[in-house]
Amino acid sequence: MEWGRLYANLPDDHRVQAAEDNGGAGWLLIQSFCYCTSAEQDGYIPDTQVARFGGPKLKQRVAALVREGLWVRTDGRPGYVLDLRIWTEERNLSDSAEKKRAADRKRIAEKRAAERADANM
């Protein structure tokens, strides 16, 4: 199971409050954080994933997040990115995700070193 981190003042952010008050988008924002944590897409949410979030008044909730600048429409790719003031993988991903990445980097480096050693024999 993957864990993510939310900063403690997120509910107090005036933009989050406005998106919740004017569209009920708070839960959609949390869903997008969870998606970005599990997908490790650097804050990118494709349109196909937005449709999967579902729920009542989805278009209204998406519009509230965009209006408040919490979700930003991407150029070139169909979807949104989370505003960097509330999302960065460095800040929001759990320690276990970073440990997994470090283990992957180590495993790949060891494999490449073994392949080079075999090639030099």
C-alpha atoms as a PDB file:
ATOM      1  CA  MET A   1       0.000   0.000   0.000  1.00  0.00           C
ATOM      2  CA  GLU A   2       1.314   3.429  -0.959  1.00  0.00           C
ATOM      3  CA  TRP A   3       1.051   6.392   1.404  1.00  0.00           C
ATOM      4  CA  GLY A   4       1.149  10.062   0.588  1.00  0.00           C
ATOM      5  CA  ARG A   5       1.558  13.193   2.639  1.00  0.00           C
ATOM      6  CA  LEU A   6      -0.648  16.252   2.793  1.00  0.00           C
ATOM      7  CA  TYR A   7       0.617  19.388   4.385  1.00  0.00           C
ATOM      8  CA  ALA A   8      -1.348  20.290   7.501  1.00  0.00           C
ATOM      9  CA  ASN A   9      -2.496  23.709   6.286  1.00  0.00           C
ATOM     10  CA  LEU A  10      -4.017  22.472   3.015  1.00  0.00           C
ATOM     11  CA  PRO A  11      -7.625  22.909   4.244  1.00  0.00           C
ATOM     12  CA  ASP A  12      -6.762  26.479   5.330  1.00  0.00           C
ATOM     13  CA  ASP A  13      -5.475  27.506   1.874  1.00  0.00           C
ATOM     14  CA  HIS A  14      -7.893  30.198   0.659  1.00  0.00           C
ATOM     15  CA  ARG A  15      -7.985  28.633  -2.809  1.00  0.00           C
ATOM     16  CA  VAL A  16      -8.952  25.223  -1.404  1.00  0.00           C
ATOM     17  CA  GLN A  17     -11.672  26.853   0.687  1.00  0.00           C
ATOM     18  CA  ALA A  18     -13.012  28.751  -2.335  1.00  0.00           C
ATOM     19  CA  ALA A  19     -13.015  25.612  -4.504  1.00  0.00           C
ATOM     20  CA  GLU A  20     -14.915  23.767  -1.780  1.00  0.00           C
ATOM     21  CA  ASP A  21     -17.376  26.615  -1.137  1.00  0.00           C
ATOM     22  CA  ASN A  22     -18.049  27.308  -4.824  1.00  0.00           C
ATOM     23  CA  GLY A  23     -18.074  23.800  -6.214  1.00  0.00           C
ATOM     24  CA  GLY A  24     -17.615  21.200  -3.500  1.00  0.00           C
ATOM     25  CA  ALA A  25     -14.235  20.281  -4.968  1.00  0.00           C
ATOM     26  CA  GLY A  26     -12.288  19.458  -1.799  1.00  0.00           C
ATOM     27  CA  TRP A  27     -12.718  15.714  -2.127  1.00  0.00           C
ATOM     28  CA  LEU A  28     -11.780  15.839  -5.815  1.00  0.00           C
ATOM     29  CA  LEU A  29      -8.546  17.587  -4.842  1.00  0.00           C
ATOM     30  CA  ILE A  30      -7.785  14.829  -2.316  1.00  0.00           C
ATOM     31  CA  GLN A  31      -8.572  12.175  -4.946  1.00  0.00           C
ATOM     32  CA  SER A  32      -6.129  13.851  -7.317  1.00  0.00           C
ATOM     33  CA  PHE A  33      -3.411  13.858  -4.634  1.00  0.00           C
ATOM     34  CA  CYS A  34      -3.974  10.138  -4.079  1.00  0.00           C
ATOM     35  CA  TYR A  35      -3.832   9.452  -7.813  1.00  0.00           C
ATOM     36  CA  CYS A  36      -0.621  11.450  -8.243  1.00  0.00           C
ATOM     37  CA  THR A  37       0.953   9.618  -5.315  1.00  0.00           C
ATOM     38  CA  SER A  38       0.130   6.170  -6.643  1.00  0.00           C
ATOM     39  CA  ALA A  39       0.813   6.921 -10.326  1.00  0.00           C
ATOM     40  CA  GLU A  40       4.011   8.917  -9.669  1.00  0.00           C
ATOM     41  CA  GLN A  41       3.233  11.155 -12.629  1.00  0.00           C
ATOM     42  CA  ASP A  42       4.791  14.330 -11.171  1.00  0.00           C
ATOM     43  CA  GLY A  43       1.423  15.910 -10.483  1.00  0.00           C
ATOM     44  CA  TYR A  44      -0.097  15.158 -13.908  1.00  0.00           C
ATOM     45  CA  ILE A  45      -3.725  14.014 -14.068  1.00  0.00           C
ATOM     46  CA  PRO A  46      -4.858  12.857 -17.532  1.00  0.00           C
ATOM     47  CA  ASP A  47      -8.400  13.623 -18.672  1.00  0.00           C
ATOM     48  CA  THR A  48      -9.130   9.892 -18.718  1.00  0.00           C
ATOM     49  CA  GLN A  49      -8.394   9.743 -14.977  1.00  0.00           C
ATOM     50  CA  VAL A  50     -10.553  12.778 -14.237  1.00  0.00           C
ATOM     51  CA  ALA A  51     -13.532  10.919 -15.686  1.00  0.00           C
ATOM     52  CA  ARG A  52     -12.769   7.972 -13.372  1.00  0.00           C
ATOM     53  CA  PHE A  53     -12.958  10.171 -10.276  1.00  0.00           C
ATOM     54  CA  GLY A  54     -16.662  10.557 -11.024  1.00  0.00           C
ATOM     55  CA  GLY A  55     -19.196  11.755  -8.518  1.00  0.00           C
ATOM     56  CA  PRO A  56     -21.914  14.367  -8.710  1.00  0.00           C
ATOM     57  CA  LYS A  57     -21.291  17.595 -10.595  1.00  0.00           C
ATOM     58  CA  LEU A  58     -17.826  16.517 -11.741  1.00  0.00           C
ATOM     59  CA  LYS A  59     -17.555  19.282 -14.341  1.00  0.00           C
ATOM     60  CA  GLN A  60     -18.482  21.900 -11.738  1.00  0.00           C
ATOM     61  CA  ARG A  61     -15.893  20.568  -9.283  1.00  0.00           C
ATOM     62  CA  VAL A  62     -13.156  20.447 -11.944  1.00  0.00           C
ATOM     63  CA  ALA A  63     -14.036  24.014 -12.958  1.00  0.00           C
ATOM     64  CA  ALA A  64     -13.727  25.128  -9.306  1.00  0.00           C
ATOM     65  CA  LEU A  65     -10.236  23.628  -9.014  1.00  0.00           C
ATOM     66  CA  VAL A  66      -9.168  25.216 -12.304  1.00  0.00           C
ATOM     67  CA  ARG A  67     -10.711  28.581 -11.404  1.00  0.00           C
ATOM     68  CA  GLU A  68      -8.758  28.630  -8.128  1.00  0.00           C
ATOM     69  CA  GLY A  69      -5.514  27.600  -9.850  1.00  0.00           C
ATOM     70  CA  LEU A  70      -5.210  24.308  -7.963  1.00  0.00           C
ATOM     71  CA  TRP A  71      -5.426  22.352 -11.219  1.00  0.00           C
ATOM     72  CA  VAL A  72      -3.749  23.856 -14.287  1.00  0.00           C
ATOM     73  CA  ARG A  73      -4.637  22.747 -17.819  1.00  0.00           C
ATOM     74  CA  THR A  74      -1.594  21.295 -19.578  1.00  0.00           C
ATOM     75  CA  ASP A  75      -0.286  22.234 -22.985  1.00  0.00           C
ATOM     76  CA  GLY A  76       0.250  19.338 -25.356  1.00  0.00           C
ATOM     77  CA  ARG A  77      -1.148  16.613 -23.099  1.00  0.00           C
ATOM     78  CA  PRO A  78      -4.854  16.202 -22.368  1.00  0.00           C
ATOM     79  CA  GLY A  79      -5.168  16.753 -18.655  1.00  0.00           C
ATOM     80  CA  TYR A  80      -4.155  18.881 -15.711  1.00  0.00           C
ATOM     81  CA  VAL A  81      -1.236  19.334 -13.356  1.00  0.00           C
ATOM     82  CA  LEU A  82      -1.509  20.134  -9.701  1.00  0.00           C
ATOM     83  CA  ASP A  83      -0.260  23.592  -8.784  1.00  0.00           C
ATOM     84  CA  LEU A  84       3.350  23.297  -7.623  1.00  0.00           C
ATOM     85  CA  ARG A  85       2.603  25.361  -4.528  1.00  0.00           C
ATOM     86  CA  ILE A  86       0.519  22.470  -3.187  1.00  0.00           C
ATOM     87  CA  TRP A  87       2.134  19.482  -4.912  1.00  0.00           C
ATOM     88  CA  THR A  88       5.650  18.294  -5.521  1.00  0.00           C
ATOM     89  CA  GLU A  89       6.635  14.662  -5.433  1.00  0.00           C
ATOM     90  CA  GLU A  90       9.508  15.551  -3.132  1.00  0.00           C
ATOM     91  CA  ARG A  91       7.121  16.948  -0.534  1.00  0.00           C
ATOM     92  CA  ASN A  92       4.058  14.752  -1.014  1.00  0.00           C
ATOM     93  CA  LEU A  93       5.338  11.260  -1.694  1.00  0.00           C
ATOM     94  CA  SER A  94       5.845   9.047   1.278  1.00  0.00           C
ATOM     95  CA  ASP A  95       9.177   7.855   2.546  1.00  0.00           C
ATOM     96  CA  SER A  96       8.307   4.364   1.312  1.00  0.00           C
ATOM     97  CA  ALA A  97       7.952   5.667  -2.246  1.00  0.00           C
ATOM     98  CA  GLU A  98      11.381   7.278  -2.049  1.00  0.00           C
ATOM     99  CA  LYS A  99      12.864   4.098  -0.572  1.00  0.00           C
ATOM    100  CA  LYS A 100      11.345   2.142  -3.466  1.00  0.00           C
ATOM    101  CA  ARG A 101      12.861   4.559  -5.986  1.00  0.00           C
ATOM    102  CA  ALA A 102      16.266   4.356  -4.292  1.00  0.00           C
ATOM    103  CA  ALA A 103      16.114   0.550  -4.315  1.00  0.00           C
ATOM    104  CA  ASP A 104      15.159   0.609  -8.011  1.00  0.00           C
ATOM    105  CA  ARG A 105      18.087   2.916  -8.815  1.00  0.00           C
ATOM    106  CA  LYS A 106      20.480   0.651  -6.884  1.00  0.00           C
ATOM    107  CA  ARG A 107      19.141  -2.494  -8.577  1.00  0.00           C
ATOM    108  CA  ILE A 108      19.491  -0.951 -12.048  1.00  0.00           C
ATOM    109  CA  ALA A 109      23.010   0.302 -11.300  1.00  0.00           C
ATOM    110  CA  GLU A 110      24.067  -3.148 -10.068  1.00  0.00           C
ATOM    111  CA  LYS A 111      22.573  -4.796 -13.148  1.00  0.00           C
ATOM    112  CA  ARG A 112      24.425  -2.404 -15.469  1.00  0.00           C
ATOM    113  CA  ALA A 113      27.665  -2.937 -13.584  1.00  0.00           C
ATOM    114  CA  ALA A 114      27.266  -6.725 -13.903  1.00  0.00           C
ATOM    115  CA  GLU A 115      26.537  -6.387 -17.648  1.00  0.00           C
ATOM    116  CA  ARG A 116      29.673  -4.249 -18.111  1.00  0.00           C
ATOM    117  CA  ALA A 117      31.753  -6.788 -16.164  1.00  0.00           C
ATOM    118  CA  ASP A 118      30.413  -9.612 -18.357  1.00  0.00           C
ATOM    119  CA  ALA A 119      31.157  -7.613 -21.521  1.00  0.00           C
ATOM    120  CA  ASN A 120      34.769  -7.012 -20.413  1.00  0.00           C
ATOM    121  CA  MET A 121      35.478 -10.733 -19.878  1.00  0.00           C
END
